[in-house]
C-alpha atoms as a PDB file:
ATOM      1  CA  MET A   1     -18.591  13.130 -92.728  1.00  0.00           C
ATOM      2  CA  THR A   2     -14.966  11.672 -93.578  1.00  0.00           C
ATOM      3  CA  THR A   3     -14.965   7.750 -92.967  1.00  0.00           C
ATOM      4  CA  LEU A   4     -11.347   6.664 -92.334  1.00  0.00           C
ATOM      5  CA  VAL A   5     -10.880   2.999 -93.791  1.00  0.00           C
ATOM      6  CA  THR A   6      -7.505   1.418 -92.048  1.00  0.00           C
ATOM      7  CA  GLY A   7      -6.309  -2.096 -94.007  1.00  0.00           C
ATOM      8  CA  ALA A   8      -8.398  -0.166 -97.338  1.00  0.00           C
ATOM      9  CA  THR A   9      -6.226  -1.951 -99.926  1.00  0.00           C
ATOM     10  CA  GLY A  10      -7.272  -5.105 -98.415  1.00  0.00           C
ATOM     11  CA  ASN A  11      -9.013  -8.381 -98.738  1.00  0.00           C
ATOM     12  CA  THR A  12     -11.979  -7.382 -97.086  1.00  0.00           C
ATOM     13  CA  GLY A  13     -10.704  -3.018 -96.844  1.00  0.00           C
ATOM     14  CA  ARG A  14     -10.885  -2.245-100.656  1.00  0.00           C
ATOM     15  CA  HIS A  15     -14.690  -3.656-100.742  1.00  0.00           C
ATOM     16  CA  VAL A  16     -15.406  -0.880 -97.960  1.00  0.00           C
ATOM     17  CA  VAL A  17     -14.118   1.383 -99.316  1.00  0.00           C
ATOM     18  CA  ALA A  18     -16.444   0.975-103.119  1.00  0.00           C
ATOM     19  CA  GLU A  19     -19.504   0.066-101.024  1.00  0.00           C
ATOM     20  CA  LEU A  20     -18.888   3.958 -99.201  1.00  0.00           C
ATOM     21  CA  VAL A  21     -17.712   5.312-102.320  1.00  0.00           C
ATOM     22  CA  ARG A  22     -21.151   4.301-104.044  1.00  0.00           C
ATOM     23  CA  ARG A  23     -22.991   5.423-101.263  1.00  0.00           C
ATOM     24  CA  GLY A  24     -21.663   8.714-102.389  1.00  0.00           C
ATOM     25  CA  GLU A  25     -19.446   9.197 -98.914  1.00  0.00           C
ATOM     26  CA  HIS A  26     -15.761  10.953 -98.676  1.00  0.00           C
ATOM     27  CA  VAL A  27     -13.265   8.634 -97.322  1.00  0.00           C
ATOM     28  CA  ARG A  28     -10.602   8.263 -96.600  1.00  0.00           C
ATOM     29  CA  ALA A  29      -8.113   5.190 -97.038  1.00  0.00           C
ATOM     30  CA  LEU A  30      -5.315   4.576 -94.829  1.00  0.00           C
ATOM     31  CA  THR A  31      -2.477   3.087 -97.061  1.00  0.00           C
ATOM     32  CA  ARG A  32       1.387   2.331 -96.753  1.00  0.00           C
ATOM     33  CA  ASN A  33       1.169   2.755-100.332  1.00  0.00           C
ATOM     34  CA  PRO A  34      -0.660   5.120-101.684  1.00  0.00           C
ATOM     35  CA  GLY A  35       0.763   5.056-105.380  1.00  0.00           C
ATOM     36  CA  ALA A  36      -0.370   1.214-105.704  1.00  0.00           C
ATOM     37  CA  ALA A  37      -3.779   2.336-103.482  1.00  0.00           C
ATOM     38  CA  ALA A  38      -4.851   4.716-106.120  1.00  0.00           C
ATOM     39  CA  ARG A  39      -5.002   1.831-108.877  1.00  0.00           C
ATOM     40  CA  VAL A  40      -6.875  -0.577-107.276  1.00  0.00           C
ATOM     41  CA  LEU A  41      -9.362   1.944-105.326  1.00  0.00           C
ATOM     42  CA  PRO A  42     -12.238   3.701-106.578  1.00  0.00           C
ATOM     43  CA  ALA A  43     -11.674   7.816-107.826  1.00  0.00           C
ATOM     44  CA  GLY A  44     -11.890  10.493-105.923  1.00  0.00           C
ATOM     45  CA  VAL A  45     -10.608   8.595-102.477  1.00  0.00           C
ATOM     46  CA  GLU A  46      -8.709  10.702-100.063  1.00  0.00           C
ATOM     47  CA  LEU A  47      -5.049   8.666-100.202  1.00  0.00           C
ATOM     48  CA  VAL A  48      -3.551   8.687 -96.787  1.00  0.00           C
ATOM     49  CA  ALA A  49      -0.323   7.343 -95.966  1.00  0.00           C
ATOM     50  CA  GLY A  50       0.362   5.304 -92.747  1.00  0.00           C
ATOM     51  CA  THR A  51      -0.425   2.373 -91.161  1.00  0.00           C
ATOM     52  CA  HIS A  52      -2.920   1.228 -88.275  1.00  0.00           C
ATOM     53  CA  THR A  53      -0.001  -0.389 -86.225  1.00  0.00           C
ATOM     54  CA  ALA A  54       1.998   2.681 -85.704  1.00  0.00           C
ATOM     55  CA  PRO A  55      -0.945   5.438 -84.518  1.00  0.00           C
ATOM     56  CA  GLU A  56       0.972   7.444 -82.638  1.00  0.00           C
ATOM     57  CA  THR A  57       1.895   8.317 -86.722  1.00  0.00           C
ATOM     58  CA  LEU A  58      -1.920   8.912 -87.309  1.00  0.00           C
ATOM     59  CA  GLY A  59      -2.238  12.509 -86.324  1.00  0.00           C
ATOM     60  CA  ILE A  60      -3.845  14.330 -89.840  1.00  0.00           C
ATOM     61  CA  ALA A  61      -4.917  10.429 -91.191  1.00  0.00           C
ATOM     62  CA  LEU A  62      -7.775  11.209 -87.676  1.00  0.00           C
ATOM     63  CA  ASP A  63      -8.319  15.134 -88.688  1.00  0.00           C
ATOM     64  CA  GLY A  64     -11.915  16.022 -89.117  1.00  0.00           C
ATOM     65  CA  VAL A  65     -13.182  12.282 -89.002  1.00  0.00           C
ATOM     66  CA  SER A  66     -16.576  10.847 -87.398  1.00  0.00           C
ATOM     67  CA  ARG A  67     -15.739   7.128 -88.237  1.00  0.00           C
ATOM     68  CA  LEU A  68     -13.778   4.650 -88.820  1.00  0.00           C
ATOM     69  CA  HIS A  69     -13.318   1.219 -90.076  1.00  0.00           C
ATOM     70  CA  ILE A  70     -10.713  -0.906 -87.966  1.00  0.00           C
ATOM     71  CA  THR A  71      -9.507  -4.008 -89.907  1.00  0.00           C
ATOM     72  CA  VAL A  72      -8.045  -6.125 -86.951  1.00  0.00           C
ATOM     73  CA  THR A  73      -4.846  -7.417 -88.483  1.00  0.00           C
ATOM     74  CA  ALA A  74      -1.540  -9.033 -87.368  1.00  0.00           C
ATOM     75  CA  GLY A  75       0.600  -6.382 -85.147  1.00  0.00           C
ATOM     76  CA  LEU A  76      -2.479  -4.464 -83.504  1.00  0.00           C
ATOM     77  CA  ALA A  77      -2.972  -5.922 -80.534  1.00  0.00           C
ATOM     78  CA  ASP A  78      -0.945  -4.252 -78.571  1.00  0.00           C
ATOM     79  CA  VAL A  79      -1.259  -1.231 -80.342  1.00  0.00           C
ATOM     80  CA  GLY A  80      -4.659  -1.160 -80.846  1.00  0.00           C
ATOM     81  CA  PRO A  81      -5.873  -0.044 -78.004  1.00  0.00           C
ATOM     82  CA  GLU A  82      -4.510   3.012 -78.723  1.00  0.00           C
ATOM     83  CA  LEU A  83      -5.004   2.968 -81.925  1.00  0.00           C
ATOM     84  CA  VAL A  84      -8.817   3.960 -80.419  1.00  0.00           C
ATOM     85  CA  ARG A  85      -8.068   5.918 -77.676  1.00  0.00           C
ATOM     86  CA  ARG A  86      -6.629   8.530 -80.353  1.00  0.00           C
ATOM     87  CA  ALA A  87     -10.076   7.795 -82.723  1.00  0.00           C
ATOM     88  CA  VAL A  88     -11.606   8.837 -80.354  1.00  0.00           C
ATOM     89  CA  GLY A  89      -9.807  11.647 -79.019  1.00  0.00           C
ATOM     90  CA  ALA A  90      -9.753  13.322 -82.442  1.00  0.00           C
ATOM     91  CA  GLY A  91     -13.224  13.410 -82.624  1.00  0.00           C
ATOM     92  CA  VAL A  92     -14.426   9.489 -84.640  1.00  0.00           C
ATOM     93  CA  ARG A  93     -18.194   9.085 -83.111  1.00  0.00           C
ATOM     94  CA  ARG A  94     -18.810   5.979 -84.917  1.00  0.00           C
ATOM     95  CA  ILE A  95     -16.468   2.733 -85.273  1.00  0.00           C
ATOM     96  CA  THR A  96     -17.197  -0.389 -87.186  1.00  0.00           C
ATOM     97  CA  VAL A  97     -14.241  -3.704 -86.387  1.00  0.00           C
ATOM     98  CA  LEU A  98     -13.209  -6.404 -88.335  1.00  0.00           C
ATOM     99  CA  TRP A  99     -12.616  -8.917 -86.217  1.00  0.00           C
ATOM    100  CA  GLY A 100      -9.193 -11.235 -85.493  1.00  0.00           C
ATOM    101  CA  GLY A 101     -11.196 -14.342 -85.222  1.00  0.00           C
ATOM    102  CA  GLY A 102     -12.441 -13.497 -81.483  1.00  0.00           C
ATOM    103  CA  VAL A 103     -12.119 -11.137 -78.987  1.00  0.00           C
ATOM    104  CA  GLY A 104      -9.011  -9.666 -78.568  1.00  0.00           C
ATOM    105  CA  PRO A 105      -7.851  -6.331 -76.936  1.00  0.00           C
ATOM    106  CA  VAL A 106      -8.805  -4.311 -80.224  1.00  0.00           C
ATOM    107  CA  GLU A 107     -12.279  -5.549 -79.834  1.00  0.00           C
ATOM    108  CA  GLN A 108     -12.610  -5.037 -76.067  1.00  0.00           C
ATOM    109  CA  ALA A 109     -11.191  -1.793 -76.544  1.00  0.00           C
ATOM    110  CA  VAL A 110     -13.693  -0.381 -79.533  1.00  0.00           C
ATOM    111  CA  ALA A 111     -16.656  -1.918 -76.786  1.00  0.00           C
ATOM    112  CA  ASP A 112     -15.612   0.368 -74.399  1.00  0.00           C
ATOM    113  CA  SER A 113     -14.049   3.304 -76.217  1.00  0.00           C
ATOM    114  CA  GLY A 114     -17.791   5.285 -74.983  1.00  0.00           C
ATOM    115  CA  VAL A 115     -19.197   5.766 -79.007  1.00  0.00           C
ATOM    116  CA  GLU A 116     -21.394   4.100 -81.824  1.00  0.00           C
ATOM    117  CA  TRP A 117     -19.578   0.669 -82.412  1.00  0.00           C
ATOM    118  CA  THR A 118     -20.548  -2.272 -84.535  1.00  0.00           C
ATOM    119  CA  ARG A 119     -18.619  -5.627 -84.435  1.00  0.00           C
ATOM    120  CA  LEU A 120     -18.173  -7.742 -87.632  1.00  0.00           C
ATOM    121  CA  GLU A 121     -17.721 -11.286 -87.240  1.00  0.00           C
ATOM    122  CA  PRO A 122     -17.442 -12.800 -91.093  1.00  0.00           C
ATOM    123  CA  GLN A 123     -16.288 -16.491 -91.219  1.00  0.00           C
ATOM    124  CA  GLU A 124     -13.663 -17.702 -93.569  1.00  0.00           C
ATOM    125  CA  PHE A 125     -13.180 -15.565 -96.686  1.00  0.00           C
ATOM    126  CA  MET A 126     -14.058 -16.909-100.404  1.00  0.00           C
ATOM    127  CA  SER A 127     -11.094 -14.536-101.340  1.00  0.00           C
ATOM    128  CA  ASN A 128      -9.068 -17.543 -98.755  1.00  0.00           C
ATOM    129  CA  THR A 129      -9.535 -19.490-101.921  1.00  0.00           C
ATOM    130  CA  LEU A 130      -7.156 -17.696-104.350  1.00  0.00           C
ATOM    131  CA  THR A 131      -4.261 -19.666-101.622  1.00  0.00           C
ATOM    132  CA  TRP A 132      -4.721 -22.015-104.297  1.00  0.00           C
ATOM    133  CA  ALA A 133      -3.440 -21.002-107.142  1.00  0.00           C
ATOM    134  CA  GLU A 134      -1.005 -21.329-107.490  1.00  0.00           C
ATOM    135  CA  SER A 135      -1.447 -25.183-107.461  1.00  0.00           C
ATOM    136  CA  ILE A 136      -4.286 -25.412-109.405  1.00  0.00           C
ATOM    137  CA  ARG A 137      -1.779 -23.555-112.870  1.00  0.00           C
ATOM    138  CA  ALA A 138       0.973 -25.967-112.080  1.00  0.00           C
ATOM    139  CA  GLU A 139      -0.420 -29.376-111.408  1.00  0.00           C
ATOM    140  CA  GLY A 140      -4.138 -29.194-111.663  1.00  0.00           C
ATOM    141  CA  VAL A 141      -4.280 -29.718-107.926  1.00  0.00           C
ATOM    142  CA  VAL A 142      -5.693 -29.095-104.001  1.00  0.00           C
ATOM    143  CA  ARG A 143      -4.170 -30.384-101.368  1.00  0.00           C
ATOM    144  CA  GLU A 144      -5.711 -29.793 -97.736  1.00  0.00           C
ATOM    145  CA  PRO A 145      -5.756 -31.669 -94.512  1.00  0.00           C
ATOM    146  CA  TYR A 146      -9.598 -31.448 -94.275  1.00  0.00           C
ATOM    147  CA  ASP A 147     -12.797 -31.594 -95.630  1.00  0.00           C
ATOM    148  CA  PHE A 148     -14.888 -30.056 -93.515  1.00  0.00           C
ATOM    149  CA  PRO A 149     -17.735 -28.170 -95.106  1.00  0.00           C
ATOM    150  CA  SER A 150     -17.740 -24.105 -94.513  1.00  0.00           C
ATOM    151  CA  ALA A 151     -20.751 -21.244 -94.010  1.00  0.00           C
ATOM    152  CA  LEU A 152     -18.045 -18.782 -96.448  1.00  0.00           C
ATOM    153  CA  VAL A 153     -18.976 -15.127 -96.745  1.00  0.00           C
ATOM    154  CA  HIS A 154     -17.453 -13.188 -99.905  1.00  0.00           C
ATOM    155  CA  GLU A 155     -15.936 -10.066 -98.811  1.00  0.00           C
ATOM    156  CA  ALA A 156     -17.711  -7.327-100.465  1.00  0.00           C
ATOM    157  CA  ASP A 157     -20.348  -8.230 -98.094  1.00  0.00           C
ATOM    158  CA  ILE A 158     -18.782  -7.380 -95.652  1.00  0.00           C
ATOM    159  CA  GLY A 159     -17.992  -4.388 -96.405  1.00  0.00           C
ATOM    160  CA  ALA A 160     -21.991  -4.189 -98.290  1.00  0.00           C
ATOM    161  CA  VAL A 161     -22.263  -5.236 -94.216  1.00  0.00           C
ATOM    162  CA  ALA A 162     -19.754  -2.189 -92.617  1.00  0.00           C
ATOM    163  CA  ALA A 163     -20.686   0.988 -94.862  1.00  0.00           C
ATOM    164  CA  ALA A 164     -24.399   0.369 -93.812  1.00  0.00           C
ATOM    165  CA  ALA A 165     -23.133  -0.332 -89.439  1.00  0.00           C
ATOM    166  CA  LEU A 166     -20.978   3.252 -90.576  1.00  0.00           C
ATOM    167  CA  LEU A 167     -23.967   5.751 -92.624  1.00  0.00           C
ATOM    168  CA  ASP A 168     -26.891   3.739 -90.954  1.00  0.00           C
ATOM    169  CA  ASP A 169     -28.817   3.856 -87.374  1.00  0.00           C
ATOM    170  CA  GLY A 170     -29.881   0.820 -86.213  1.00  0.00           C
ATOM    171  CA  HIS A 171     -26.809  -1.754 -85.395  1.00  0.00           C
ATOM    172  CA  VAL A 172     -25.085   0.097 -82.443  1.00  0.00           C
ATOM    173  CA  GLY A 173     -23.768  -1.912 -79.659  1.00  0.00           C
ATOM    174  CA  LEU A 174     -24.467  -5.556 -81.928  1.00  0.00           C
ATOM    175  CA  ALA A 175     -22.127  -7.991 -82.719  1.00  0.00           C
ATOM    176  CA  TYR A 176     -22.334  -9.641 -86.630  1.00  0.00           C
ATOM    177  CA  ASN A 177     -22.020 -13.190 -87.688  1.00  0.00           C
ATOM    178  CA  LEU A 178     -21.277 -13.024 -91.238  1.00  0.00           C
ATOM    179  CA  THR A 179     -22.271 -16.230 -93.781  1.00  0.00           C
ATOM    180  CA  GLY A 180     -22.857 -16.266 -96.870  1.00  0.00           C
ATOM    181  CA  PRO A 181     -25.470 -18.370 -97.973  1.00  0.00           C
ATOM    182  CA  GLU A 182     -24.018 -21.934 -98.730  1.00  0.00           C
ATOM    183  CA  THR A 183     -21.962 -23.835 -96.990  1.00  0.00           C
ATOM    184  CA  LEU A 184     -19.003 -25.614 -99.087  1.00  0.00           C
ATOM    185  CA  THR A 185     -17.051 -28.275 -97.916  1.00  0.00           C
ATOM    186  CA  PRO A 186     -13.158 -28.106-100.135  1.00  0.00           C
ATOM    187  CA  ARG A 187     -13.884 -31.024-102.776  1.00  0.00           C
ATOM    188  CA  GLU A 188     -17.935 -28.913-103.681  1.00  0.00           C
ATOM    189  CA  ARG A 189     -15.270 -24.984-104.008  1.00  0.00           C
ATOM    190  CA  ILE A 190     -13.040 -27.152-106.040  1.00  0.00           C
ATOM    191  CA  ALA A 191     -16.535 -28.365-108.226  1.00  0.00           C
ATOM    192  CA  ILE A 192     -18.110 -24.741-108.821  1.00  0.00           C
ATOM    193  CA  LEU A 193     -14.438 -24.082-108.948  1.00  0.00           C
ATOM    194  CA  SER A 194     -13.219 -26.251-112.001  1.00  0.00           C
ATOM    195  CA  ARG A 195     -16.558 -26.056-113.582  1.00  0.00           C
ATOM    196  CA  ALA A 196     -16.267 -22.142-113.994  1.00  0.00           C
ATOM    197  CA  ILE A 197     -12.270 -22.062-115.668  1.00  0.00           C
ATOM    198  CA  GLY A 198     -12.938 -25.374-117.688  1.00  0.00           C
ATOM    199  CA  ARG A 199     -10.232 -28.071-115.742  1.00  0.00           C
ATOM    200  CA  ASP A 200     -10.375 -30.922-114.088  1.00  0.00           C
ATOM    201  CA  ILE A 201      -9.438 -30.342-110.644  1.00  0.00           C
ATOM    202  CA  ALA A 202      -7.648 -32.832-107.512  1.00  0.00           C
ATOM    203  CA  PHE A 203      -8.381 -32.994-104.138  1.00  0.00           C
ATOM    204  CA  VAL A 204      -4.975 -34.264-102.511  1.00  0.00           C
ATOM    205  CA  PRO A 205      -5.357 -35.172 -98.528  1.00  0.00           C
ATOM    206  CA  ILE A 206      -2.356 -34.196 -96.852  1.00  0.00           C
ATOM    207  CA  THR A 207      -1.317 -34.494 -92.467  1.00  0.00           C
ATOM    208  CA  HIS A 208      -1.882 -31.683 -90.682  1.00  0.00           C
ATOM    209  CA  GLU A 209       1.171 -30.734 -89.681  1.00  0.00           C
ATOM    210  CA  GLN A 210       2.008 -30.664 -93.802  1.00  0.00           C
ATOM    211  CA  ALA A 211      -0.392 -27.839 -93.645  1.00  0.00           C
ATOM    212  CA  VAL A 212       1.587 -26.090 -90.997  1.00  0.00           C
ATOM    213  CA  ASP A 213       4.877 -26.456 -91.846  1.00  0.00           C
ATOM    214  CA  ARG A 214       3.851 -25.224 -95.326  1.00  0.00           C
ATOM    215  CA  LEU A 215       1.767 -22.292 -93.992  1.00  0.00           C
ATOM    216  CA  ILE A 216       4.872 -21.446 -91.543  1.00  0.00           C
ATOM    217  CA  ALA A 217       7.423 -22.023 -94.742  1.00  0.00           C
ATOM    218  CA  THR A 218       5.604 -18.446 -96.516  1.00  0.00           C
ATOM    219  CA  GLY A 219       6.677 -16.478 -92.606  1.00  0.00           C
ATOM    220  CA  VAL A 220       3.618 -17.397 -89.965  1.00  0.00           C
ATOM    221  CA  PRO A 221       4.528 -18.230 -87.200  1.00  0.00           C
ATOM    222  CA  ARG A 222       4.332 -21.325 -85.939  1.00  0.00           C
ATOM    223  CA  ALA A 223       1.807 -20.294 -82.970  1.00  0.00           C
ATOM    224  CA  ASP A 224      -0.332 -18.480 -85.370  1.00  0.00           C
ATOM    225  CA  ALA A 225      -0.175 -21.488 -88.852  1.00  0.00           C
ATOM    226  CA  GLU A 226      -1.417 -23.739 -85.701  1.00  0.00           C
ATOM    227  CA  TYR A 227      -4.148 -21.840 -85.171  1.00  0.00           C
ATOM    228  CA  VAL A 228      -5.572 -21.718 -88.388  1.00  0.00           C
ATOM    229  CA  ILE A 229      -5.130 -25.563 -89.474  1.00  0.00           C
ATOM    230  CA  GLY A 230      -6.578 -25.937 -85.688  1.00  0.00           C
ATOM    231  CA  TRP A 231      -9.742 -24.181 -86.724  1.00  0.00           C
ATOM    232  CA  TYR A 232      -9.840 -26.100 -90.104  1.00  0.00           C
ATOM    233  CA  SER A 233      -9.613 -29.102 -88.042  1.00  0.00           C
ATOM    234  CA  THR A 234     -12.606 -28.483 -85.715  1.00  0.00           C
ATOM    235  CA  PRO A 235     -14.671 -26.435 -87.408  1.00  0.00           C
ATOM    236  CA  THR A 236     -17.783 -24.526 -84.636  1.00  0.00           C
ATOM    237  CA  ASP A 237     -21.127 -24.396 -85.307  1.00  0.00           C
ATOM    238  CA  ASP A 238     -20.520 -20.606 -86.384  1.00  0.00           C
ATOM    239  CA  SER A 239     -18.432 -21.665 -89.508  1.00  0.00           C
ATOM    240  CA  THR A 240     -20.682 -24.975 -90.900  1.00  0.00           C
ATOM    241  CA  THR A 241     -24.103 -22.578 -89.690  1.00  0.00           C
ATOM    242  CA  VAL A 242     -25.650 -19.861 -92.808  1.00  0.00           C
ATOM    243  CA  VAL A 243     -27.899 -17.040 -91.178  1.00  0.00           C
ATOM    244  CA  ASP A 244     -29.296 -14.729 -92.884  1.00  0.00           C
ATOM    245  CA  THR A 245     -27.219 -11.410 -91.035  1.00  0.00           C
ATOM    246  CA  VAL A 246     -26.147 -10.498 -94.633  1.00  0.00           C
ATOM    247  CA  GLU A 247     -29.550  -9.903 -96.353  1.00  0.00           C
ATOM    248  CA  ARG A 248     -31.241  -8.947 -93.333  1.00  0.00           C
ATOM    249  CA  VAL A 249     -28.336  -5.582 -93.405  1.00  0.00           C
ATOM    250  CA  THR A 250     -28.487  -4.596 -97.188  1.00  0.00           C
ATOM    251  CA  GLY A 251     -31.602  -5.845 -98.093  1.00  0.00           C
ATOM    252  CA  ARG A 252     -30.855  -8.074-100.683  1.00  0.00           C
ATOM    253  CA  PRO A 253     -28.754 -12.455 -99.954  1.00  0.00           C
ATOM    254  CA  ALA A 254     -25.600 -12.478 -99.689  1.00  0.00           C
ATOM    255  CA  ARG A 255     -23.324 -13.694-102.416  1.00  0.00           C
ATOM    256  CA  THR A 256     -22.583 -16.855-104.105  1.00  0.00           C
ATOM    257  CA  PHE A 257     -19.238 -18.773-103.972  1.00  0.00           C
ATOM    258  CA  ALA A 258     -20.074 -19.226-107.449  1.00  0.00           C
ATOM    259  CA  GLN A 259     -20.174 -15.576-107.878  1.00  0.00           C
ATOM    260  CA  TRP A 260     -17.028 -15.099-105.869  1.00  0.00           C
ATOM    261  CA  MET A 261     -15.536 -17.052-108.774  1.00  0.00           C
ATOM    262  CA  ALA A 262     -17.292 -15.149-111.580  1.00  0.00           C
ATOM    263  CA  ASP A 263     -15.277 -12.761-110.341  1.00  0.00           C
ATOM    264  CA  HIS A 264     -12.451 -14.346-109.851  1.00  0.00           C
ATOM    265  CA  ALA A 265     -11.396 -16.565-112.533  1.00  0.00           C
ATOM    266  CA  ASP A 266      -8.476 -15.379-114.226  1.00  0.00           C
ATOM    267  CA  ARG A 267      -6.405 -16.313-111.026  1.00  0.00           C
ATOM    268  CA  PHE A 268      -6.543 -19.804-110.979  1.00  0.00           C
ATOM    269  CA  VAL A 269      -5.315 -19.978-115.216  1.00  0.00           C
ATOM    270  CA  GLY A 270      -3.197 -17.337-115.397  1.00  0.00           C
ATOM    271  CA  HIS A 271      -5.161 -16.224-118.202  1.00  0.00           C
ATOM    272  CA  SER A 272      -8.564 -15.537-119.979  1.00  0.00           C
ATOM    273  CA  VAL A 273     -11.145 -18.228-119.251  1.00  0.00           C
ATOM    274  CA  PRO A 274     -12.990 -18.765-122.244  1.00  0.00           C
ATOM    275  CA  ASP A 275     -16.186 -18.026-123.206  1.00  0.00           C
ATOM    276  CA  ARG A 276     -17.437 -21.551-123.225  1.00  0.00           C
ATOM    277  CA  ALA A 277     -16.022 -21.569-119.406  1.00  0.00           C
ATOM    278  CA  ARG A 278     -17.687 -18.930-118.194  1.00  0.00           C
ATOM    279  CA  ALA A 279     -21.062 -20.020-119.280  1.00  0.00           C
ATOM    280  CA  THR A 280     -20.621 -24.159-118.003  1.00  0.00           C
END
């Protein structure tokens, strides 16, 4: 049986691929750049050029696929239902969908597809911390408008839950809220990060509008920028409450932010982290 993973080289997609491979599955990875994907995905993964935002071009990618993982990304809302329709028509019988922050057209199309499905609803990704990397390397500062707690989840845990839902029984028709094992404010994350790289890092508050403008400067539409920063300004109970979904589904505790930092410390210093910093 073949599982097709969309967004296969993204922050979460690569972990879905890796976990499926670890469990001995045949994985087909959908990617815009197979050459680059080959450098980051495990050996043995079947690479297929394409994008899930153009479902009319995915005939070959869907051929022989029985399971599908969809990551809801920008640009998918309008064509996602068509992707689901084509996947079901091609013989896909089980779908996991990593939501885009709400139940939109894609998530609803999956729920209405008539095949087995599971929806993954992670809270803030730990990898969002990488947006701090440049300012930490250059200035030793983090600039954020709010200091509210967040139940951050490790992307590898999302991948593990996705793989379990794709391969194991007992997950059909369920929506899984996914969090890490603790809530952390930006200042608390900075403290962990500082210890990991052996450098003091300052927290510098900025205004809501400055944060929105910063996102717009990276090419994000204003409406999307307002949505993202608004999410931080008024955190929901789901985003600030730890749940044990990862442990119930995978059989092991969710990974901590300190574990995430141990794997990514080099991204914040631009060179190898000294042993003394890793040991602190």
